[in-house]
Protein backbone atom coordinates (compact mmCIF):
# COMPACT_ATOMS: atom_id res chain seq x y z
CA MET A 1 0.00 0.00 0.00
CA ALA A 2 1.31 3.45 -0.90
CA THR A 3 2.13 5.77 2.00
CA ASN A 4 1.69 9.53 1.80
CA LEU A 5 4.80 10.83 3.55
CA PHE A 6 3.60 14.38 3.02
CA ASP A 7 0.20 13.97 4.72
CA LEU A 8 -0.47 16.71 7.30
CA THR A 9 -4.02 15.67 8.22
CA GLY A 10 -4.89 16.77 11.74
CA LYS A 11 -1.87 19.05 12.10
CA ILE A 12 -2.18 22.63 13.35
CA ALA A 13 0.22 24.86 11.41
CA LEU A 14 1.07 28.54 11.94
CA VAL A 15 2.62 30.36 8.99
CA THR A 16 3.77 33.94 9.47
CA GLY A 17 4.12 36.37 6.59
CA ALA A 18 1.46 34.27 4.88
CA SER A 19 -0.61 36.99 3.25
CA ARG A 20 1.41 36.82 0.03
CA GLY A 21 4.50 35.42 -1.66
CA ILE A 22 6.30 32.40 -0.29
CA GLY A 23 4.25 32.36 2.91
CA GLU A 24 0.97 32.25 1.04
CA GLU A 25 2.16 29.34 -1.10
CA ILE A 26 3.34 27.44 1.97
CA ALA A 27 0.00 27.97 3.69
CA LYS A 28 -1.96 26.78 0.66
CA LEU A 29 0.21 23.70 0.20
CA PHE A 30 -0.08 22.74 3.87
CA ALA A 31 -3.86 23.00 3.62
CA GLN A 32 -3.88 20.86 0.48
CA GLN A 33 -2.07 18.21 2.51
CA GLY A 34 -4.72 18.31 5.24
CA ALA A 35 -3.38 20.75 7.83
CA HIS A 36 -5.45 23.38 9.59
CA VAL A 37 -3.50 26.53 8.76
CA ILE A 38 -3.36 29.70 10.82
CA VAL A 39 -2.60 32.39 8.23
CA SER A 40 -0.76 35.25 9.88
CA SER A 41 0.76 38.60 8.94
CA ARG A 42 0.43 42.19 10.09
CA LYS A 43 -2.96 42.90 8.47
CA VAL A 44 -5.82 40.55 9.25
CA GLU A 45 -7.68 41.58 6.10
CA ASP A 46 -4.88 40.29 3.88
CA CYS A 47 -4.65 37.10 5.93
CA GLN A 48 -8.39 36.56 5.58
CA LEU A 49 -8.15 36.72 1.79
CA VAL A 50 -5.66 33.83 1.82
CA ALA A 51 -7.69 31.89 4.39
CA ASP A 52 -10.80 32.33 2.23
CA LYS A 53 -8.94 30.94 -0.81
CA ILE A 54 -7.94 27.89 1.21
CA ILE A 55 -11.45 27.32 2.52
CA GLN A 56 -12.98 27.75 -0.94
CA ALA A 57 -10.58 25.07 -2.20
CA GLY A 58 -11.81 22.68 0.49
CA GLY A 59 -9.09 23.26 3.06
CA LYS A 60 -9.08 24.41 6.67
CA ALA A 61 -7.74 27.82 7.63
CA GLU A 62 -8.19 30.85 9.82
CA ALA A 63 -6.71 34.34 9.84
CA PHE A 64 -4.96 35.97 12.76
CA ALA A 65 -2.99 39.22 12.67
CA CYS A 66 0.47 39.16 14.20
CA HIS A 67 3.35 41.58 13.71
CA VAL A 68 6.30 39.45 14.84
CA GLY A 69 8.23 42.59 15.69
CA SER A 70 5.73 43.14 18.52
CA MET A 71 6.09 41.06 21.69
CA GLU A 72 2.46 41.84 22.52
CA ASP A 73 1.30 40.40 19.20
CA ILE A 74 3.40 37.27 19.73
CA SER A 75 1.81 36.75 23.14
CA ALA A 76 -1.67 37.30 21.70
CA ILE A 77 -1.39 34.79 18.87
CA PHE A 78 -0.04 32.05 21.12
CA GLU A 79 -2.73 32.71 23.70
CA HIS A 80 -5.25 32.25 20.87
CA ILE A 81 -3.59 29.00 19.79
CA ARG A 82 -3.55 27.60 23.32
CA HIS A 83 -7.17 28.57 23.93
CA THR A 84 -8.57 27.54 20.51
CA HIS A 85 -6.46 24.53 19.55
CA GLY A 86 -4.51 23.50 22.64
CA ARG A 87 -1.54 22.51 20.48
CA LEU A 88 0.73 23.56 17.65
CA ASP A 89 2.42 21.03 15.39
CA ILE A 90 4.15 23.29 12.87
CA LEU A 91 5.55 26.81 12.95
CA VAL A 92 6.93 28.47 9.84
CA ASN A 93 8.74 31.70 10.66
CA ASN A 94 8.44 33.40 7.28
CA ALA A 95 7.61 37.04 8.10
CA ALA A 96 10.56 39.32 7.45
CA THR A 97 11.44 42.92 6.82
CA ASN A 98 14.04 44.74 4.73
CA PRO A 99 13.47 48.43 5.52
CA TYR A 100 16.82 49.54 4.14
CA TYR A 101 18.32 49.04 0.69
CA GLY A 102 21.56 50.93 0.17
CA HIS A 103 25.20 51.16 1.16
CA ILE A 104 25.92 49.57 4.52
CA LEU A 105 27.65 52.74 5.78
CA ASP A 106 24.39 54.64 5.39
CA THR A 107 22.34 52.25 7.57
CA ASP A 108 20.61 54.23 10.31
CA LEU A 109 19.54 53.03 13.75
CA THR A 110 15.86 52.88 12.84
CA ALA A 111 16.44 50.48 9.94
CA PHE A 112 18.90 48.47 12.04
CA ASN A 113 16.45 48.05 14.92
CA LYS A 114 13.46 47.27 12.70
CA THR A 115 15.39 44.58 10.83
CA LEU A 116 16.60 42.89 14.01
CA ASP A 117 13.25 43.23 15.81
CA VAL A 118 11.44 41.29 13.09
CA ASN A 119 14.07 39.03 11.52
CA ILE A 120 15.88 37.97 14.69
CA ARG A 121 13.93 38.82 17.84
CA GLY A 122 10.62 37.93 16.20
CA TYR A 123 11.83 34.53 14.97
CA PHE A 124 13.50 33.84 18.32
CA PHE A 125 10.49 34.45 20.52
CA MET A 126 8.01 32.91 18.09
CA SER A 127 10.18 29.79 18.26
CA ILE A 128 10.29 29.91 22.06
CA GLU A 129 6.50 30.12 22.35
CA ALA A 130 5.98 27.38 19.77
CA GLY A 131 8.68 25.29 21.40
CA LYS A 132 6.95 25.41 24.76
CA LEU A 133 3.76 24.02 23.23
CA MET A 134 5.68 21.40 21.27
CA LYS A 135 7.67 20.36 24.34
CA ALA A 136 4.41 19.60 26.15
CA GLN A 137 3.30 17.50 23.16
CA GLY A 138 6.64 15.75 22.84
CA LYS A 139 6.98 16.69 19.19
CA GLY A 140 6.75 19.49 16.64
CA VAL A 141 8.52 21.14 13.74
CA ILE A 142 9.82 24.68 13.19
CA VAL A 143 11.02 26.00 9.85
CA ASN A 144 12.70 29.39 9.49
CA THR A 145 12.83 31.22 6.18
CA ALA A 146 16.36 32.63 5.88
CA SER A 147 18.00 33.57 2.56
CA VAL A 148 21.03 32.83 0.41
CA ASN A 149 22.10 36.28 1.63
CA ALA A 150 23.00 34.49 4.85
CA LEU A 151 25.81 32.78 2.92
CA GLN A 152 26.71 35.50 0.44
CA PRO A 153 25.69 39.02 1.53
CA GLY A 154 23.59 40.73 -1.10
CA ASP A 155 24.76 43.98 -2.66
CA LEU A 156 23.30 46.96 -0.77
CA GLN A 157 21.47 44.55 1.58
CA GLY A 158 23.92 44.59 4.46
CA ILE A 159 21.82 44.51 7.64
CA TYR A 160 19.23 42.24 6.01
CA SER A 161 21.97 39.76 5.07
CA ILE A 162 23.43 39.93 8.57
CA SER A 163 20.01 39.20 10.09
CA LYS A 164 19.53 36.19 7.83
CA ALA A 165 22.95 34.82 8.81
CA ALA A 166 21.73 35.05 12.41
CA VAL A 167 18.63 33.04 11.45
CA VAL A 168 20.88 30.24 10.20
CA SER A 169 22.76 30.15 13.51
CA MET A 170 19.47 30.39 15.43
CA THR A 171 18.10 27.43 13.49
CA LYS A 172 21.06 25.27 14.46
CA ALA A 173 20.96 26.39 18.11
CA PHE A 174 17.27 25.54 18.48
CA ALA A 175 17.75 22.25 16.61
CA LYS A 176 20.55 21.20 18.95
CA GLU A 177 18.75 22.04 22.18
CA CYS A 178 15.21 21.12 21.16
CA GLY A 179 15.98 17.91 19.28
CA PRO A 180 15.98 15.88 22.54
CA LEU A 181 12.47 17.23 23.17
CA GLY A 182 11.20 15.79 19.89
CA ILE A 183 11.26 19.17 18.13
CA ARG A 184 12.94 19.44 14.74
CA VAL A 185 14.15 22.85 13.54
CA ASN A 186 15.34 23.57 10.00
CA ALA A 187 15.64 26.48 7.60
CA LEU A 188 14.85 27.32 3.99
CA LEU A 189 17.33 29.56 2.18
CA PRO A 190 15.59 30.88 -0.96
CA GLY A 191 17.46 32.39 -3.85
CA LEU A 192 16.05 35.06 -6.18
CA THR A 193 12.28 34.65 -5.93
CA LYS A 194 9.66 36.89 -7.52
CA THR A 195 7.75 38.34 -4.61
CA LYS A 196 6.57 41.80 -3.63
CA PHE A 197 9.17 41.67 -0.86
CA ALA A 198 11.95 41.37 -3.47
CA GLY A 199 10.42 44.07 -5.66
CA ALA A 200 13.47 46.34 -5.50
CA LEU A 201 15.60 43.63 -7.10
CA PHE A 202 13.17 43.16 -9.99
CA SER A 203 12.55 46.86 -10.63
CA ASN A 204 16.16 47.41 -11.71
CA PRO A 205 16.57 45.65 -15.10
CA GLU A 206 20.34 45.97 -15.16
CA PHE A 207 20.73 44.53 -11.66
CA TYR A 208 18.17 41.79 -12.40
CA GLU A 209 20.01 40.67 -15.54
CA SER A 210 23.30 40.58 -13.68
CA CYS A 211 21.70 38.33 -11.07
CA ILE A 212 20.19 35.96 -13.64
CA LYS A 213 23.58 35.50 -15.31
CA GLU A 214 24.92 34.12 -12.03
CA ILE A 215 22.14 31.50 -11.71
CA PRO A 216 22.83 28.25 -13.63
CA LEU A 217 19.11 27.77 -14.34
CA ARG A 218 19.11 31.29 -15.86
CA ARG A 219 15.83 32.29 -14.26
CA HIS A 220 14.31 33.42 -10.98
CA ALA A 221 12.06 31.25 -8.83
CA GLU A 222 8.33 31.56 -8.32
CA PRO A 223 7.04 31.47 -4.71
CA GLN A 224 5.43 28.03 -5.12
CA GLU A 225 8.85 26.57 -5.93
CA MET A 226 9.86 27.19 -2.31
CA ALA A 227 6.81 25.60 -0.70
CA GLY A 228 7.68 21.99 -1.59
CA THR A 229 10.94 22.09 0.35
CA VAL A 230 9.13 23.39 3.42
CA LEU A 231 6.51 20.63 3.08
CA TYR A 232 9.32 18.06 3.08
CA LEU A 233 10.81 19.61 6.22
CA VAL A 234 7.57 19.58 8.24
CA SER A 235 6.29 16.18 7.07
CA ASP A 236 7.18 12.58 7.89
CA ALA A 237 9.33 12.60 4.75
CA GLY A 238 11.80 14.78 6.68
CA SER A 239 11.47 13.01 10.03
CA TYR A 240 15.26 12.66 10.51
CA THR A 241 16.15 16.09 9.11
CA ASN A 242 17.16 18.44 11.91
CA GLY A 243 19.36 21.52 12.00
CA GLU A 244 19.61 21.70 8.21
CA CYS A 245 19.61 24.90 6.19
CA ILE A 246 18.45 23.93 2.73
CA VAL A 247 19.44 26.21 -0.14
CA VAL A 248 16.91 26.51 -2.98
CA ASP A 249 18.53 28.97 -5.37
CA GLY A 250 18.76 27.43 -8.85
CA GLY A 251 22.47 26.84 -8.29
CA LEU A 252 23.46 30.44 -7.49
CA THR A 253 25.74 29.54 -4.60
CA ILE A 254 27.58 26.70 -6.34
């Protein structure tokens, strides 16, 4: 009898930054595999649009606003999860910010703080809250969306690249300490992907063409091309994968 290693039936999954782009595609794919998905981002209206798409397609979803740069919002969403579901099987830390694009010497304190508040502090405390629930269950999975910028800093993307390098280290630290608790923690490192978030990279034709020339597949990725890797990481197919940072970049970092 065939076994569906990617079946998520009965799982409760929280996906942040899920109102568009990679997060939206992850949320939709999880729902297709049977998970109940909590679609989260800063604006509940945008989350509800994605949740409605999932429900209309026959899946299970709900919308809940959470700005991961806000400790109050983090507390609120996990209080909701504990009260409504009593468990959390999957957390995908996908929300991110890149408020500054320019020379690293011109980075101001506001951009620095905003980047770290969301990309590092947000991921860290979301993982702590999820980890506490998963520890009580004896199992769970966390996936962090980092970036190839963690390995090769992007031009004019200094503090963003630094924050994503921290996410890689964070992933390994949580994996090492939470593995004995039955909690697996891994990361996705996307390459050039066409999302609104990466709009600045696509709006400059000269820069875009220079990027494409460095990618062996000679094209950018679409958001849905990232979701399959995350599904592997959270499913039984990836049951012995822990502390890994999987690069999905068309060969850019070869």
